[in-house]
N, C-alpha and C. Protein backbone atom coordinates (compact mmCIF):
# COMPACT_ATOMS: atom_id res chain seq x y z
N MET A 1 81.96 -17.18 -16.06
CA MET A 1 81.79 -18.21 -15.04
C MET A 1 80.42 -18.86 -15.20
N VAL A 2 80.36 -20.13 -15.21
CA VAL A 2 79.11 -20.87 -15.37
C VAL A 2 78.25 -20.70 -14.13
N GLY A 3 76.96 -20.47 -14.33
CA GLY A 3 76.05 -20.36 -13.20
C GLY A 3 75.93 -18.97 -12.61
N MET A 4 76.68 -18.00 -13.13
CA MET A 4 76.64 -16.63 -12.61
C MET A 4 75.33 -15.97 -13.04
N ILE A 5 74.70 -15.22 -12.15
CA ILE A 5 73.46 -14.54 -12.50
C ILE A 5 73.72 -13.07 -12.72
N GLY A 6 72.88 -12.47 -13.56
CA GLY A 6 72.91 -11.03 -13.75
C GLY A 6 71.98 -10.40 -12.73
N LEU A 7 72.53 -9.62 -11.82
CA LEU A 7 71.71 -8.99 -10.79
C LEU A 7 70.96 -7.81 -11.39
N PRO A 8 69.68 -7.64 -11.04
CA PRO A 8 68.89 -6.56 -11.63
C PRO A 8 69.33 -5.19 -11.12
N LYS A 9 69.24 -4.18 -12.00
CA LYS A 9 69.61 -2.82 -11.60
C LYS A 9 68.59 -2.23 -10.64
N ILE A 10 67.31 -2.58 -10.83
CA ILE A 10 66.27 -2.13 -9.91
C ILE A 10 65.68 -3.37 -9.23
N VAL A 11 65.25 -3.21 -7.99
CA VAL A 11 64.68 -4.34 -7.26
C VAL A 11 63.23 -4.11 -6.85
N ARG A 12 62.72 -2.91 -7.10
CA ARG A 12 61.32 -2.59 -6.77
C ARG A 12 60.52 -2.39 -8.05
N SER A 13 59.38 -3.05 -8.10
CA SER A 13 58.45 -2.86 -9.21
C SER A 13 57.10 -3.41 -8.78
N PRO A 14 56.01 -2.71 -9.10
CA PRO A 14 54.69 -3.20 -8.71
C PRO A 14 54.34 -4.55 -9.36
N LYS A 15 54.97 -4.86 -10.50
CA LYS A 15 54.70 -6.10 -11.20
C LYS A 15 55.71 -7.20 -10.88
N GLY A 16 56.74 -6.89 -10.12
CA GLY A 16 57.78 -7.86 -9.80
C GLY A 16 58.91 -7.80 -10.81
N ILE A 17 60.05 -8.31 -10.41
CA ILE A 17 61.25 -8.33 -11.24
C ILE A 17 61.62 -9.78 -11.50
N GLU A 18 61.79 -10.14 -12.76
CA GLU A 18 62.19 -11.50 -13.12
C GLU A 18 63.71 -11.60 -13.18
N VAL A 19 64.24 -12.71 -12.66
CA VAL A 19 65.68 -12.96 -12.66
C VAL A 19 65.92 -14.40 -13.09
N ASP A 20 66.88 -14.60 -13.99
CA ASP A 20 67.26 -15.94 -14.43
C ASP A 20 68.31 -16.47 -13.45
N LEU A 21 67.99 -17.53 -12.74
CA LEU A 21 68.93 -18.12 -11.78
C LEU A 21 69.84 -19.14 -12.44
N SER A 22 69.36 -19.76 -13.49
CA SER A 22 70.11 -20.70 -14.32
C SER A 22 69.20 -21.04 -15.49
N GLY A 23 69.59 -21.94 -16.33
CA GLY A 23 68.77 -22.27 -17.49
C GLY A 23 67.36 -22.70 -17.16
N ARG A 24 67.18 -23.47 -16.11
CA ARG A 24 65.86 -24.02 -15.78
C ARG A 24 65.16 -23.31 -14.63
N TYR A 25 65.88 -22.56 -13.81
CA TYR A 25 65.30 -21.90 -12.65
C TYR A 25 65.25 -20.39 -12.86
N THR A 26 64.12 -19.80 -12.47
CA THR A 26 63.98 -18.36 -12.50
C THR A 26 63.44 -17.91 -11.15
N ALA A 27 63.50 -16.61 -10.92
CA ALA A 27 62.97 -16.05 -9.67
C ALA A 27 62.20 -14.78 -10.01
N ARG A 28 61.24 -14.46 -9.16
CA ARG A 28 60.52 -13.20 -9.26
C ARG A 28 60.63 -12.50 -7.91
N ILE A 29 61.09 -11.27 -7.94
CA ILE A 29 61.19 -10.46 -6.72
C ILE A 29 59.89 -9.69 -6.56
N ASP A 30 59.24 -9.85 -5.42
CA ASP A 30 58.03 -9.10 -5.09
C ASP A 30 58.35 -8.13 -3.95
N THR A 31 58.03 -6.86 -4.17
CA THR A 31 58.19 -5.85 -3.12
C THR A 31 56.88 -5.13 -2.83
N ASN A 32 55.84 -5.45 -3.57
CA ASN A 32 54.55 -4.78 -3.44
C ASN A 32 53.74 -5.39 -2.30
N ASN A 33 53.32 -4.58 -1.35
CA ASN A 33 52.48 -4.99 -0.22
C ASN A 33 53.12 -6.07 0.65
N ILE A 34 54.41 -5.99 0.87
CA ILE A 34 55.13 -6.92 1.74
C ILE A 34 55.41 -6.19 3.05
N SER A 35 55.13 -6.83 4.16
CA SER A 35 55.32 -6.17 5.45
C SER A 35 56.80 -6.05 5.79
N PRO A 36 57.17 -5.00 6.54
CA PRO A 36 58.56 -4.86 6.97
C PRO A 36 59.04 -6.05 7.81
N GLY A 37 58.11 -6.70 8.52
CA GLY A 37 58.47 -7.87 9.32
C GLY A 37 58.94 -9.04 8.48
N GLU A 38 58.64 -9.01 7.18
CA GLU A 38 59.09 -10.06 6.27
C GLU A 38 60.33 -9.62 5.49
N GLY A 39 60.92 -8.50 5.89
CA GLY A 39 62.12 -8.02 5.23
C GLY A 39 61.87 -7.13 4.04
N GLY A 40 60.61 -6.86 3.73
CA GLY A 40 60.28 -5.94 2.65
C GLY A 40 60.22 -6.57 1.26
N PHE A 41 60.52 -7.85 1.14
CA PHE A 41 60.43 -8.50 -0.16
C PHE A 41 60.27 -10.01 -0.03
N HIS A 42 59.78 -10.60 -1.11
CA HIS A 42 59.70 -12.06 -1.27
C HIS A 42 60.42 -12.42 -2.55
N ILE A 43 60.96 -13.61 -2.60
CA ILE A 43 61.51 -14.16 -3.84
C ILE A 43 60.78 -15.47 -4.11
N HIS A 44 60.09 -15.52 -5.24
CA HIS A 44 59.42 -16.74 -5.68
C HIS A 44 60.38 -17.44 -6.64
N VAL A 45 60.64 -18.72 -6.41
CA VAL A 45 61.56 -19.49 -7.24
C VAL A 45 60.76 -20.48 -8.08
N TYR A 46 61.02 -20.49 -9.37
CA TYR A 46 60.31 -21.36 -10.30
C TYR A 46 61.28 -22.28 -11.02
N LYS A 47 60.85 -23.50 -11.22
CA LYS A 47 61.54 -24.43 -12.12
C LYS A 47 60.59 -24.62 -13.29
N GLY A 48 60.94 -24.01 -14.40
CA GLY A 48 59.99 -23.93 -15.50
C GLY A 48 58.83 -23.04 -15.10
N GLU A 49 57.62 -23.55 -15.20
CA GLU A 49 56.42 -22.79 -14.84
C GLU A 49 55.95 -23.06 -13.40
N ILE A 50 56.60 -23.98 -12.71
CA ILE A 50 56.13 -24.43 -11.40
C ILE A 50 56.91 -23.74 -10.28
N GLU A 51 56.17 -23.14 -9.35
CA GLU A 51 56.82 -22.52 -8.19
C GLU A 51 57.33 -23.63 -7.27
N VAL A 52 58.62 -23.58 -6.95
CA VAL A 52 59.21 -24.64 -6.13
C VAL A 52 59.66 -24.14 -4.76
N ALA A 53 59.83 -22.82 -4.59
CA ALA A 53 60.26 -22.28 -3.29
C ALA A 53 59.87 -20.81 -3.20
N LYS A 54 59.76 -20.33 -1.98
CA LYS A 54 59.46 -18.92 -1.73
C LYS A 54 60.21 -18.50 -0.49
N LEU A 55 60.98 -17.41 -0.61
CA LEU A 55 61.79 -16.90 0.49
C LEU A 55 61.32 -15.50 0.85
N ASN A 56 61.54 -15.11 2.11
CA ASN A 56 61.27 -13.72 2.47
C ASN A 56 62.59 -12.99 2.71
N GLY A 57 62.51 -11.69 2.84
CA GLY A 57 63.70 -10.85 2.97
C GLY A 57 64.46 -11.01 4.26
N ARG A 58 63.91 -11.70 5.22
CA ARG A 58 64.59 -11.94 6.50
C ARG A 58 65.39 -13.25 6.48
N GLY A 59 65.38 -13.94 5.36
CA GLY A 59 66.12 -15.19 5.27
C GLY A 59 65.28 -16.42 5.53
N GLY A 60 64.01 -16.23 5.83
CA GLY A 60 63.13 -17.36 6.05
C GLY A 60 62.52 -17.86 4.76
N TYR A 61 61.80 -18.94 4.85
CA TYR A 61 61.12 -19.48 3.67
C TYR A 61 59.69 -19.82 4.03
N ILE A 62 58.87 -19.90 3.01
CA ILE A 62 57.46 -20.19 3.17
C ILE A 62 57.25 -21.66 2.81
N VAL A 63 56.59 -22.41 3.68
CA VAL A 63 56.40 -23.84 3.49
C VAL A 63 55.31 -24.13 2.47
N ARG A 64 54.24 -23.34 2.52
CA ARG A 64 53.08 -23.60 1.65
C ARG A 64 52.66 -22.29 0.98
N HIS A 65 52.39 -22.37 -0.32
CA HIS A 65 51.93 -21.20 -1.06
C HIS A 65 50.97 -21.66 -2.16
N ARG A 66 49.80 -21.04 -2.20
CA ARG A 66 48.76 -21.37 -3.19
C ARG A 66 48.43 -22.86 -3.22
N GLY A 67 48.35 -23.46 -2.04
CA GLY A 67 47.94 -24.84 -1.93
C GLY A 67 49.04 -25.86 -2.20
N ARG A 68 50.24 -25.42 -2.50
CA ARG A 68 51.35 -26.33 -2.78
C ARG A 68 52.35 -26.31 -1.64
N ILE A 69 52.93 -27.46 -1.35
CA ILE A 69 54.03 -27.53 -0.39
C ILE A 69 55.31 -27.24 -1.17
N LEU A 70 56.06 -26.26 -0.70
CA LEU A 70 57.26 -25.83 -1.40
C LEU A 70 58.52 -26.42 -0.78
N GLN A 71 59.60 -26.38 -1.52
CA GLN A 71 60.88 -26.89 -1.03
C GLN A 71 61.55 -25.88 -0.11
N LYS A 72 62.35 -26.40 0.80
CA LYS A 72 63.23 -25.56 1.59
C LYS A 72 64.37 -25.13 0.67
N PRO A 73 64.96 -23.95 0.89
CA PRO A 73 66.10 -23.57 0.07
C PRO A 73 67.22 -24.61 0.10
N SER A 74 67.40 -25.30 1.21
CA SER A 74 68.46 -26.32 1.31
C SER A 74 68.20 -27.51 0.39
N GLN A 75 66.98 -27.66 -0.11
CA GLN A 75 66.64 -28.76 -1.00
C GLN A 75 66.88 -28.41 -2.48
N LEU A 76 67.18 -27.15 -2.75
CA LEU A 76 67.45 -26.72 -4.12
C LEU A 76 68.89 -27.06 -4.49
N PRO A 77 69.20 -27.16 -5.79
CA PRO A 77 70.58 -27.42 -6.19
C PRO A 77 71.54 -26.35 -5.66
N LYS A 78 72.76 -26.76 -5.39
CA LYS A 78 73.76 -25.87 -4.78
C LYS A 78 73.95 -24.58 -5.59
N ARG A 79 74.03 -24.68 -6.90
CA ARG A 79 74.22 -23.50 -7.76
C ARG A 79 73.06 -22.52 -7.58
N ILE A 80 71.84 -23.04 -7.48
CA ILE A 80 70.66 -22.18 -7.31
C ILE A 80 70.69 -21.52 -5.94
N ARG A 81 71.06 -22.26 -4.89
CA ARG A 81 71.17 -21.68 -3.54
C ARG A 81 72.20 -20.55 -3.53
N ARG A 82 73.32 -20.78 -4.17
CA ARG A 82 74.38 -19.77 -4.22
C ARG A 82 73.87 -18.51 -4.94
N ASN A 83 73.18 -18.69 -6.06
CA ASN A 83 72.64 -17.55 -6.79
C ASN A 83 71.54 -16.83 -6.01
N LEU A 84 70.73 -17.59 -5.28
CA LEU A 84 69.70 -16.97 -4.43
C LEU A 84 70.33 -16.14 -3.32
N ASN A 85 71.38 -16.65 -2.71
CA ASN A 85 72.08 -15.89 -1.66
C ASN A 85 72.63 -14.58 -2.20
N LYS A 86 73.21 -14.61 -3.40
CA LYS A 86 73.71 -13.38 -4.03
C LYS A 86 72.56 -12.41 -4.28
N LEU A 87 71.44 -12.95 -4.76
CA LEU A 87 70.28 -12.12 -5.06
C LEU A 87 69.72 -11.49 -3.79
N VAL A 88 69.59 -12.26 -2.72
CA VAL A 88 69.07 -11.73 -1.45
C VAL A 88 69.96 -10.60 -0.95
N ARG A 89 71.27 -10.79 -0.94
CA ARG A 89 72.19 -9.74 -0.48
C ARG A 89 72.06 -8.49 -1.35
N HIS A 90 71.94 -8.67 -2.65
CA HIS A 90 71.80 -7.54 -3.57
C HIS A 90 70.51 -6.76 -3.28
N ILE A 91 69.42 -7.47 -3.09
CA ILE A 91 68.14 -6.80 -2.81
C ILE A 91 68.22 -6.08 -1.48
N GLN A 92 68.76 -6.72 -0.44
CA GLN A 92 68.86 -6.08 0.87
C GLN A 92 69.65 -4.78 0.81
N LYS A 93 70.67 -4.72 -0.03
CA LYS A 93 71.48 -3.49 -0.16
C LYS A 93 70.76 -2.41 -0.95
N ASN A 94 69.86 -2.80 -1.85
CA ASN A 94 69.28 -1.85 -2.78
C ASN A 94 67.80 -1.57 -2.60
N ILE A 95 67.20 -2.14 -1.58
CA ILE A 95 65.76 -1.94 -1.39
C ILE A 95 65.48 -0.59 -0.75
């Protein structure tokens, strides 16, 4: 199936876990030093080398990170949103 992502076997790592969301988009799962109030993890979304979005484990998103204004998840392509939703559910089950 086109656009399907490979879910990582582990979701915790001090250095983060890289996930390919599609050919141009990648994500990094951060679980190090994340408060329980944020769901225990963050997902940084990159298009190439540029961070375009950041989500927390509670389903929220971060508007600004490292001086940049980031996109809302609803502004990302539909295939990427669908893959992010699968990734969030997978992390929530396995964290």
